[in-house]
Amino acid sequence: MDLEFSHDRDAHRYVASSGGQMVSALDYALSPEAISFTHTFTPPPHRGKGYAGELVAFAIDDVESTTSLRVRPMCWYVGEWFDKHPERAGLLSR
């Protein structure tokens, strides 16, 4: 199945959907200088398929291309994503 990504600015959430169904969500909080990713969730039937990782990559790409905010990984999953992608660590302190 193909994933579709969206950014709901009003809800402070990035969403991955497949077949019209939400398969992963990434919540965040904003401050003037940073975006703090606070919670990643994938419903149990969709876990283990890589959806959350693809969603985090989409969100990080979006933040990098549309803002000058630094990233604060408050959620363990986003922290581990940065551990696996050290080439993106510049976003943590820019």
PDB file of N, CA and C in Angstrom:
ATOM      1  N   MET A   1       0.832  -1.188   0.000  1.00  0.00           N
ATOM      2  CA  MET A   1       0.000   0.000   0.000  1.00  0.00           C
ATOM      3  C   MET A   1       0.876   1.252   0.000  1.00  0.00           C
ATOM      4  N   ASP A   2       0.412   2.255  -0.693  1.00  0.00           N
ATOM      5  CA  ASP A   2       1.118   3.531  -0.718  1.00  0.00           C
ATOM      6  C   ASP A   2       0.734   4.369   0.491  1.00  0.00           C
ATOM      7  N   LEU A   3       1.726   5.039   1.035  1.00  0.00           N
ATOM      8  CA  LEU A   3       1.472   5.940   2.156  1.00  0.00           C
ATOM      9  C   LEU A   3       1.215   7.342   1.643  1.00  0.00           C
ATOM     10  N   GLU A   4       0.311   8.023   2.309  1.00  0.00           N
ATOM     11  CA  GLU A   4       0.055   9.438   2.069  1.00  0.00           C
ATOM     12  C   GLU A   4       0.364  10.162   3.362  1.00  0.00           C
ATOM     13  N   PHE A   5       1.076  11.282   3.232  1.00  0.00           N
ATOM     14  CA  PHE A   5       1.468  12.062   4.406  1.00  0.00           C
ATOM     15  C   PHE A   5       0.742  13.388   4.410  1.00  0.00           C
ATOM     16  N   SER A   6       0.394  13.847   5.604  1.00  0.00           N
ATOM     17  CA  SER A   6      -0.242  15.162   5.735  1.00  0.00           C
ATOM     18  C   SER A   6       0.273  15.839   6.997  1.00  0.00           C
ATOM     19  N   HIS A   7       0.105  17.153   7.011  1.00  0.00           N
ATOM     20  CA  HIS A   7       0.520  17.962   8.156  1.00  0.00           C
ATOM     21  C   HIS A   7      -0.698  18.769   8.585  1.00  0.00           C
ATOM     22  N   ASP A   8      -1.242  18.459   9.731  1.00  0.00           N
ATOM     23  CA  ASP A   8      -2.381  19.173  10.295  1.00  0.00           C
ATOM     24  C   ASP A   8      -1.831  20.207  11.270  1.00  0.00           C
ATOM     25  N   ARG A   9      -1.617  21.422  10.765  1.00  0.00           N
ATOM     26  CA  ARG A   9      -1.013  22.474  11.585  1.00  0.00           C
ATOM     27  C   ARG A   9      -1.873  22.848  12.786  1.00  0.00           C
ATOM     28  N   ASP A  10      -3.183  22.842  12.615  1.00  0.00           N
ATOM     29  CA  ASP A  10      -4.067  23.201  13.721  1.00  0.00           C
ATOM     30  C   ASP A  10      -3.967  22.200  14.875  1.00  0.00           C
ATOM     31  N   ALA A  11      -3.796  20.931  14.549  1.00  0.00           N
ATOM     32  CA  ALA A  11      -3.694  19.883  15.575  1.00  0.00           C
ATOM     33  C   ALA A  11      -2.259  19.638  16.015  1.00  0.00           C
ATOM     34  N   HIS A  12      -1.285  20.315  15.366  1.00  0.00           N
ATOM     35  CA  HIS A  12       0.145  20.091  15.642  1.00  0.00           C
ATOM     36  C   HIS A  12       0.476  18.612  15.499  1.00  0.00           C
ATOM     37  N   ARG A  13       0.168  18.079  14.297  1.00  0.00           N
ATOM     38  CA  ARG A  13       0.322  16.646  14.067  1.00  0.00           C
ATOM     39  C   ARG A  13       0.647  16.365  12.604  1.00  0.00           C
ATOM     40  N   TYR A  14       1.571  15.436  12.409  1.00  0.00           N
ATOM     41  CA  TYR A  14       1.826  14.848  11.104  1.00  0.00           C
ATOM     42  C   TYR A  14       1.156  13.475  11.095  1.00  0.00           C
ATOM     43  N   VAL A  15       0.601  13.098   9.946  1.00  0.00           N
ATOM     44  CA  VAL A  15      -0.137  11.838   9.853  1.00  0.00           C
ATOM     45  C   VAL A  15       0.278  11.078   8.601  1.00  0.00           C
ATOM     46  N   ALA A  16       0.419   9.765   8.749  1.00  0.00           N
ATOM     47  CA  ALA A  16       0.603   8.861   7.618  1.00  0.00           C
ATOM     48  C   ALA A  16      -0.681   8.056   7.480  1.00  0.00           C
ATOM     49  N   SER A  17      -1.198   7.984   6.261  1.00  0.00           N
ATOM     50  CA  SER A  17      -2.420   7.239   5.996  1.00  0.00           C
ATOM     51  C   SER A  17      -2.189   6.257   4.858  1.00  0.00           C
ATOM     52  N   SER A  18      -2.941   5.183   4.895  1.00  0.00           N
ATOM     53  CA  SER A  18      -2.903   4.193   3.828  1.00  0.00           C
ATOM     54  C   SER A  18      -4.328   3.710   3.604  1.00  0.00           C
ATOM     55  N   GLY A  19      -4.778   3.776   2.371  1.00  0.00           N
ATOM     56  CA  GLY A  19      -6.144   3.358   2.086  1.00  0.00           C
ATOM     57  C   GLY A  19      -7.177   4.162   2.836  1.00  0.00           C
ATOM     58  N   GLY A  20      -6.867   5.440   3.098  1.00  0.00           N
ATOM     59  CA  GLY A  20      -7.797   6.306   3.819  1.00  0.00           C
ATOM     60  C   GLY A  20      -7.801   6.098   5.326  1.00  0.00           C
ATOM     61  N   GLN A  21      -6.920   5.262   5.833  1.00  0.00           N
ATOM     62  CA  GLN A  21      -6.863   4.958   7.265  1.00  0.00           C
ATOM     63  C   GLN A  21      -5.552   5.462   7.855  1.00  0.00           C
ATOM     64  N   MET A  22      -5.628   6.108   9.027  1.00  0.00           N
ATOM     65  CA  MET A  22      -4.430   6.581   9.709  1.00  0.00           C
ATOM     66  C   MET A  22      -3.627   5.368  10.174  1.00  0.00           C
ATOM     67  N   VAL A  23      -2.337   5.339   9.790  1.00  0.00           N
ATOM     68  CA  VAL A  23      -1.472   4.230  10.195  1.00  0.00           C
ATOM     69  C   VAL A  23      -0.362   4.679  11.139  1.00  0.00           C
ATOM     70  N   SER A  24      -0.133   5.985  11.246  1.00  0.00           N
ATOM     71  CA  SER A  24       0.841   6.505  12.197  1.00  0.00           C
ATOM     72  C   SER A  24       0.626   8.001  12.361  1.00  0.00           C
ATOM     73  N   ALA A  25       0.951   8.505  13.558  1.00  0.00           N
ATOM     74  CA  ALA A  25       0.811   9.932  13.844  1.00  0.00           C
ATOM     75  C   ALA A  25       2.016  10.397  14.653  1.00  0.00           C
ATOM     76  N   LEU A  26       2.364  11.659  14.449  1.00  0.00           N
ATOM     77  CA  LEU A  26       3.506  12.273  15.134  1.00  0.00           C
ATOM     78  C   LEU A  26       3.066  13.647  15.626  1.00  0.00           C
ATOM     79  N   ASP A  27       2.991  13.800  16.936  1.00  0.00           N
ATOM     80  CA  ASP A  27       2.552  15.063  17.543  1.00  0.00           C
ATOM     81  C   ASP A  27       3.750  15.928  17.894  1.00  0.00           C
ATOM     82  N   TYR A  28       3.517  17.238  17.906  1.00  0.00           N
ATOM     83  CA  TYR A  28       4.598  18.167  18.231  1.00  0.00           C
ATOM     84  C   TYR A  28       4.071  19.396  18.942  1.00  0.00           C
ATOM     85  N   ALA A  29       4.989  20.114  19.573  1.00  0.00           N
ATOM     86  CA  ALA A  29       4.717  21.410  20.196  1.00  0.00           C
ATOM     87  C   ALA A  29       5.714  22.402  19.615  1.00  0.00           C
ATOM     88  N   LEU A  30       5.276  23.632  19.477  1.00  0.00           N
ATOM     89  CA  LEU A  30       6.130  24.682  18.906  1.00  0.00           C
ATOM     90  C   LEU A  30       6.554  25.692  19.955  1.00  0.00           C
ATOM     91  N   SER A  31       7.755  26.184  19.799  1.00  0.00           N
ATOM     92  CA  SER A  31       8.226  27.353  20.534  1.00  0.00           C
ATOM     93  C   SER A  31       8.831  28.268  19.471  1.00  0.00           C
ATOM     94  N   PRO A  32       9.192  29.481  19.824  1.00  0.00           N
ATOM     95  CA  PRO A  32       9.716  30.391  18.796  1.00  0.00           C
ATOM     96  C   PRO A  32      10.957  29.860  18.072  1.00  0.00           C
ATOM     97  N   GLU A  33      11.769  29.043  18.737  1.00  0.00           N
ATOM     98  CA  GLU A  33      13.015  28.590  18.117  1.00  0.00           C
ATOM     99  C   GLU A  33      13.055  27.104  17.782  1.00  0.00           C
ATOM    100  N   ALA A  34      12.043  26.326  18.217  1.00  0.00           N
ATOM    101  CA  ALA A  34      12.147  24.879  18.039  1.00  0.00           C
ATOM    102  C   ALA A  34      10.787  24.210  17.840  1.00  0.00           C
ATOM    103  N   ILE A  35      10.850  23.038  17.250  1.00  0.00           N
ATOM    104  CA  ILE A  35       9.710  22.137  17.182  1.00  0.00           C
ATOM    105  C   ILE A  35      10.079  20.921  18.017  1.00  0.00           C
ATOM    106  N   SER A  36       9.250  20.611  18.999  1.00  0.00           N
ATOM    107  CA  SER A  36       9.495  19.475  19.887  1.00  0.00           C
ATOM    108  C   SER A  36       8.552  18.350  19.490  1.00  0.00           C
ATOM    109  N   PHE A  37       9.113  17.248  19.002  1.00  0.00           N
ATOM    110  CA  PHE A  37       8.296  16.087  18.668  1.00  0.00           C
ATOM    111  C   PHE A  37       8.040  15.329  19.960  1.00  0.00           C
ATOM    112  N   THR A  38       6.767  15.278  20.364  1.00  0.00           N
ATOM    113  CA  THR A  38       6.408  14.817  21.697  1.00  0.00           C
ATOM    114  C   THR A  38       5.858  13.402  21.766  1.00  0.00           C
ATOM    115  N   HIS A  39       5.315  12.892  20.656  1.00  0.00           N
ATOM    116  CA  HIS A  39       4.664  11.577  20.725  1.00  0.00           C
ATOM    117  C   HIS A  39       4.525  10.998  19.325  1.00  0.00           C
ATOM    118  N   THR A  40       4.927   9.754  19.188  1.00  0.00           N
ATOM    119  CA  THR A  40       4.725   9.000  17.953  1.00  0.00           C
ATOM    120  C   THR A  40       3.809   7.835  18.283  1.00  0.00           C
ATOM    121  N   PHE A  41       2.800   7.608  17.426  1.00  0.00           N
ATOM    122  CA  PHE A  41       1.854   6.529  17.686  1.00  0.00           C
ATOM    123  C   PHE A  41       1.536   5.795  16.395  1.00  0.00           C
ATOM    124  N   THR A  42       1.542   4.478  16.485  1.00  0.00           N
ATOM    125  CA  THR A  42       1.095   3.618  15.396  1.00  0.00           C
ATOM    126  C   THR A  42       0.116   2.620  15.998  1.00  0.00           C
ATOM    127  N   PRO A  43      -1.116   2.552  15.479  1.00  0.00           N
ATOM    128  CA  PRO A  43      -2.078   1.589  16.018  1.00  0.00           C
ATOM    129  C   PRO A  43      -1.529   0.153  15.910  1.00  0.00           C
ATOM    130  N   PRO A  44      -1.822  -0.690  16.907  1.00  0.00           N
ATOM    131  CA  PRO A  44      -1.262  -2.041  16.921  1.00  0.00           C
ATOM    132  C   PRO A  44      -1.344  -2.830  15.613  1.00  0.00           C
ATOM    133  N   PRO A  45      -2.449  -2.778  14.861  1.00  0.00           N
ATOM    134  CA  PRO A  45      -2.477  -3.577  13.625  1.00  0.00           C
ATOM    135  C   PRO A  45      -1.474  -3.117  12.568  1.00  0.00           C
ATOM    136  N   HIS A  46      -0.940  -1.915  12.723  1.00  0.00           N
ATOM    137  CA  HIS A  46      -0.036  -1.351  11.719  1.00  0.00           C
ATOM    138  C   HIS A  46       1.421  -1.298  12.179  1.00  0.00           C
ATOM    139  N   ARG A  47       1.700  -1.773  13.358  1.00  0.00           N
ATOM    140  CA  ARG A  47       3.067  -1.726  13.890  1.00  0.00           C
ATOM    141  C   ARG A  47       3.975  -2.717  13.165  1.00  0.00           C
ATOM    142  N   GLY A  48       5.265  -2.399  13.148  1.00  0.00           N
ATOM    143  CA  GLY A  48       6.250  -3.291  12.562  1.00  0.00           C
ATOM    144  C   GLY A  48       6.362  -3.205  11.051  1.00  0.00           C
ATOM    145  N   LYS A  49       5.727  -2.231  10.457  1.00  0.00           N
ATOM    146  CA  LYS A  49       5.734  -2.083   8.994  1.00  0.00           C
ATOM    147  C   LYS A  49       6.562  -0.890   8.524  1.00  0.00           C
ATOM    148  N   GLY A  50       7.173  -0.164   9.469  1.00  0.00           N
ATOM    149  CA  GLY A  50       8.017   0.968   9.112  1.00  0.00           C
ATOM    150  C   GLY A  50       7.289   2.278   8.904  1.00  0.00           C
ATOM    151  N   TYR A  51       5.991   2.314   9.198  1.00  0.00           N
ATOM    152  CA  TYR A  51       5.220   3.535   8.954  1.00  0.00           C
ATOM    153  C   TYR A  51       5.704   4.712   9.789  1.00  0.00           C
ATOM    154  N   ALA A  52       5.996   4.470  11.050  1.00  0.00           N
ATOM    155  CA  ALA A  52       6.425   5.568  11.922  1.00  0.00           C
ATOM    156  C   ALA A  52       7.750   6.153  11.438  1.00  0.00           C
ATOM    157  N   GLY A  53       8.669   5.317  11.034  1.00  0.00           N
ATOM    158  CA  GLY A  53       9.953   5.805  10.531  1.00  0.00           C
ATOM    159  C   GLY A  53       9.789   6.647   9.280  1.00  0.00           C
ATOM    160  N   GLU A  54       8.919   6.208   8.378  1.00  0.00           N
ATOM    161  CA  GLU A  54       8.672   6.994   7.169  1.00  0.00           C
ATOM    162  C   GLU A  54       8.009   8.320   7.509  1.00  0.00           C
ATOM    163  N   LEU A  55       7.112   8.305   8.489  1.00  0.00           N
ATOM    164  CA  LEU A  55       6.443   9.540   8.897  1.00  0.00           C
ATOM    165  C   LEU A  55       7.430  10.513   9.535  1.00  0.00           C
ATOM    166  N   VAL A  56       8.306  10.019  10.393  1.00  0.00           N
ATOM    167  CA  VAL A  56       9.310  10.892  11.011  1.00  0.00           C
ATOM    168  C   VAL A  56      10.200  11.496   9.920  1.00  0.00           C
ATOM    169  N   ALA A  57      10.628  10.697   8.958  1.00  0.00           N
ATOM    170  CA  ALA A  57      11.459  11.218   7.866  1.00  0.00           C
ATOM    171  C   ALA A  57      10.722  12.316   7.103  1.00  0.00           C
ATOM    172  N   PHE A  58       9.427  12.111   6.831  1.00  0.00           N
ATOM    173  CA  PHE A  58       8.632  13.128   6.148  1.00  0.00           C
ATOM    174  C   PHE A  58       8.577  14.412   6.967  1.00  0.00           C
ATOM    175  N   ALA A  59       8.302  14.279   8.269  1.00  0.00           N
ATOM    176  CA  ALA A  59       8.194  15.456   9.138  1.00  0.00           C
ATOM    177  C   ALA A  59       9.517  16.200   9.222  1.00  0.00           C
ATOM    178  N   ILE A  60      10.614  15.476   9.370  1.00  0.00           N
ATOM    179  CA  ILE A  60      11.930  16.115   9.461  1.00  0.00           C
ATOM    180  C   ILE A  60      12.248  16.832   8.148  1.00  0.00           C
ATOM    181  N   ASP A  61      11.952  16.200   7.022  1.00  0.00           N
ATOM    182  CA  ASP A  61      12.162  16.855   5.724  1.00  0.00           C
ATOM    183  C   ASP A  61      11.335  18.130   5.616  1.00  0.00           C
ATOM    184  N   ASP A  62      10.096  18.067   6.089  1.00  0.00           N
ATOM    185  CA  ASP A  62       9.212  19.232   6.033  1.00  0.00           C
ATOM    186  C   ASP A  62       9.747  20.369   6.903  1.00  0.00           C
ATOM    187  N   VAL A  63      10.157  20.048   8.114  1.00  0.00           N
ATOM    188  CA  VAL A  63      10.705  21.072   9.013  1.00  0.00           C
ATOM    189  C   VAL A  63      11.952  21.700   8.397  1.00  0.00           C
ATOM    190  N   GLU A  64      12.822  20.868   7.854  1.00  0.00           N
ATOM    191  CA  GLU A  64      14.069  21.370   7.277  1.00  0.00           C
ATOM    192  C   GLU A  64      13.813  22.265   6.065  1.00  0.00           C
ATOM    193  N   SER A  65      12.850  21.904   5.240  1.00  0.00           N
ATOM    194  CA  SER A  65      12.639  22.657   3.995  1.00  0.00           C
ATOM    195  C   SER A  65      11.734  23.875   4.154  1.00  0.00           C
ATOM    196  N   THR A  66      10.958  23.950   5.228  1.00  0.00           N
ATOM    197  CA  THR A  66       9.991  25.046   5.338  1.00  0.00           C
ATOM    198  C   THR A  66      10.210  25.965   6.534  1.00  0.00           C
ATOM    199  N   THR A  67      11.169  25.621   7.420  1.00  0.00           N
ATOM    200  CA  THR A  67      11.385  26.452   8.604  1.00  0.00           C
ATOM    201  C   THR A  67      12.880  26.561   8.898  1.00  0.00           C
ATOM    202  N   SER A  68      13.192  27.390   9.869  1.00  0.00           N
ATOM    203  CA  SER A  68      14.566  27.445  10.385  1.00  0.00           C
ATOM    204  C   SER A  68      14.599  26.944  11.829  1.00  0.00           C
ATOM    205  N   LEU A  69      13.541  26.253  12.235  1.00  0.00           N
ATOM    206  CA  LEU A  69      13.449  25.747  13.602  1.00  0.00           C
ATOM    207  C   LEU A  69      14.439  24.620  13.835  1.00  0.00           C
ATOM    208  N   ARG A  70      14.928  24.536  15.064  1.00  0.00           N
ATOM    209  CA  ARG A  70      15.706  23.356  15.421  1.00  0.00           C
ATOM    210  C   ARG A  70      14.733  22.298  15.917  1.00  0.00           C
ATOM    211  N   VAL A  71      15.172  21.071  15.934  1.00  0.00           N
ATOM    212  CA  VAL A  71      14.324  19.945  16.310  1.00  0.00           C
ATOM    213  C   VAL A  71      14.708  19.460  17.701  1.00  0.00           C
ATOM    214  N   ARG A  72      13.695  19.237  18.521  1.00  0.00           N
ATOM    215  CA  ARG A  72      13.883  18.658  19.851  1.00  0.00           C
ATOM    216  C   ARG A  72      13.141  17.317  19.886  1.00  0.00           C
ATOM    217  N   PRO A  73      13.848  16.221  19.924  1.00  0.00           N
ATOM    218  CA  PRO A  73      13.192  14.912  19.973  1.00  0.00           C
ATOM    219  C   PRO A  73      12.799  14.541  21.408  1.00  0.00           C
ATOM    220  N   MET A  74      11.625  14.951  21.835  1.00  0.00           N
ATOM    221  CA  MET A  74      11.138  14.663  23.186  1.00  0.00           C
ATOM    222  C   MET A  74      10.584  13.237  23.286  1.00  0.00           C
ATOM    223  N   CYS A  75      10.266  12.657  22.166  1.00  0.00           N
ATOM    224  CA  CYS A  75       9.733  11.302  22.087  1.00  0.00           C
ATOM    225  C   CYS A  75      10.895  10.332  21.848  1.00  0.00           C
ATOM    226  N   TRP A  76      10.910   9.212  22.554  1.00  0.00           N
ATOM    227  CA  TRP A  76      12.017   8.247  22.420  1.00  0.00           C
ATOM    228  C   TRP A  76      12.168   7.776  20.983  1.00  0.00           C
ATOM    229  N   TYR A  77      11.050   7.617  20.260  1.00  0.00           N
ATOM    230  CA  TYR A  77      11.133   7.090  18.904  1.00  0.00           C
ATOM    231  C   TYR A  77      11.871   8.061  17.986  1.00  0.00           C
ATOM    232  N   VAL A  78      11.568   9.345  18.114  1.00  0.00           N
ATOM    233  CA  VAL A  78      12.245  10.358  17.294  1.00  0.00           C
ATOM    234  C   VAL A  78      13.720  10.435  17.696  1.00  0.00           C
ATOM    235  N   GLY A  79      14.020  10.302  18.979  1.00  0.00           N
ATOM    236  CA  GLY A  79      15.413  10.270  19.419  1.00  0.00           C
ATOM    237  C   GLY A  79      16.172   9.112  18.785  1.00  0.00           C
ATOM    238  N   GLU A  80      15.569   7.935  18.762  1.00  0.00           N
ATOM    239  CA  GLU A  80      16.214   6.782  18.121  1.00  0.00           C
ATOM    240  C   GLU A  80      16.351   6.981  16.614  1.00  0.00           C
ATOM    241  N   TRP A  81      15.368   7.664  15.995  1.00  0.00           N
ATOM    242  CA  TRP A  81      15.453   7.940  14.561  1.00  0.00           C
ATOM    243  C   TRP A  81      16.704   8.775  14.278  1.00  0.00           C
ATOM    244  N   PHE A  82      16.958   9.783  15.106  1.00  0.00           N
ATOM    245  CA  PHE A  82      18.158  10.601  14.922  1.00  0.00           C
ATOM    246  C   PHE A  82      19.427   9.783  15.182  1.00  0.00           C
ATOM    247  N   ASP A  83      19.391   8.849  16.108  1.00  0.00           N
ATOM    248  CA  ASP A  83      20.544   7.978  16.337  1.00  0.00           C
ATOM    249  C   ASP A  83      20.865   7.172  15.075  1.00  0.00           C
ATOM    250  N   LYS A  84      19.826   6.762  14.355  1.00  0.00           N
ATOM    251  CA  LYS A  84      20.003   5.971  13.128  1.00  0.00           C
ATOM    252  C   LYS A  84      20.314   6.834  11.910  1.00  0.00           C
ATOM    253  N   HIS A  85      20.113   8.150  12.030  1.00  0.00           N
ATOM    254  CA  HIS A  85      20.335   9.087  10.925  1.00  0.00           C
ATOM    255  C   HIS A  85      21.215  10.248  11.392  1.00  0.00           C
ATOM    256  N   PRO A  86      22.467   9.952  11.769  1.00  0.00           N
ATOM    257  CA  PRO A  86      23.339  11.009  12.307  1.00  0.00           C
ATOM    258  C   PRO A  86      23.599  12.126  11.310  1.00  0.00           C
ATOM    259  N   GLU A  87      23.416  11.865  10.034  1.00  0.00           N
ATOM    260  CA  GLU A  87      23.612  12.903   9.020  1.00  0.00           C
ATOM    261  C   GLU A  87      22.576  14.028   9.163  1.00  0.00           C
ATOM    262  N   ARG A  88      21.515  13.796   9.898  1.00  0.00           N
ATOM    263  CA  ARG A  88      20.472  14.818  10.089  1.00  0.00           C
ATOM    264  C   ARG A  88      20.641  15.547  11.422  1.00  0.00           C
ATOM    265  N   ALA A  89      21.667  15.232  12.187  1.00  0.00           N
ATOM    266  CA  ALA A  89      21.841  15.790  13.533  1.00  0.00           C
ATOM    267  C   ALA A  89      22.000  17.305  13.535  1.00  0.00           C
ATOM    268  N   GLY A  90      22.386  17.918  12.432  1.00  0.00           N
ATOM    269  CA  GLY A  90      22.501  19.369  12.374  1.00  0.00           C
ATOM    270  C   GLY A  90      21.194  20.075  12.668  1.00  0.00           C
ATOM    271  N   LEU A  91      20.082  19.400  12.454  1.00  0.00           N
ATOM    272  CA  LEU A  91      18.768  19.992  12.734  1.00  0.00           C
ATOM    273  C   LEU A  91      18.529  20.140  14.238  1.00  0.00           C
ATOM    274  N   LEU A  92      19.254  19.384  15.027  1.00  0.00           N
ATOM    275  CA  LEU A  92      19.080  19.446  16.468  1.00  0.00           C
ATOM    276  C   LEU A  92      19.633  20.725  17.082  1.00  0.00           C
ATOM    277  N   SER A  93      20.559  21.367  16.371  1.00  0.00           N
ATOM    278  CA  SER A  93      21.207  22.536  16.964  1.00  0.00           C
ATOM    279  C   SER A  93      21.245  23.747  16.049  1.00  0.00           C
ATOM    280  N   ARG A  94      20.575  23.699  14.912  1.00  0.00           N
ATOM    281  CA  ARG A  94      20.680  24.822  13.984  1.00  0.00           C
ATOM    282  C   ARG A  94      20.032  26.072  14.499  1.00  0.00           C
TER     283      ARG A  94
END
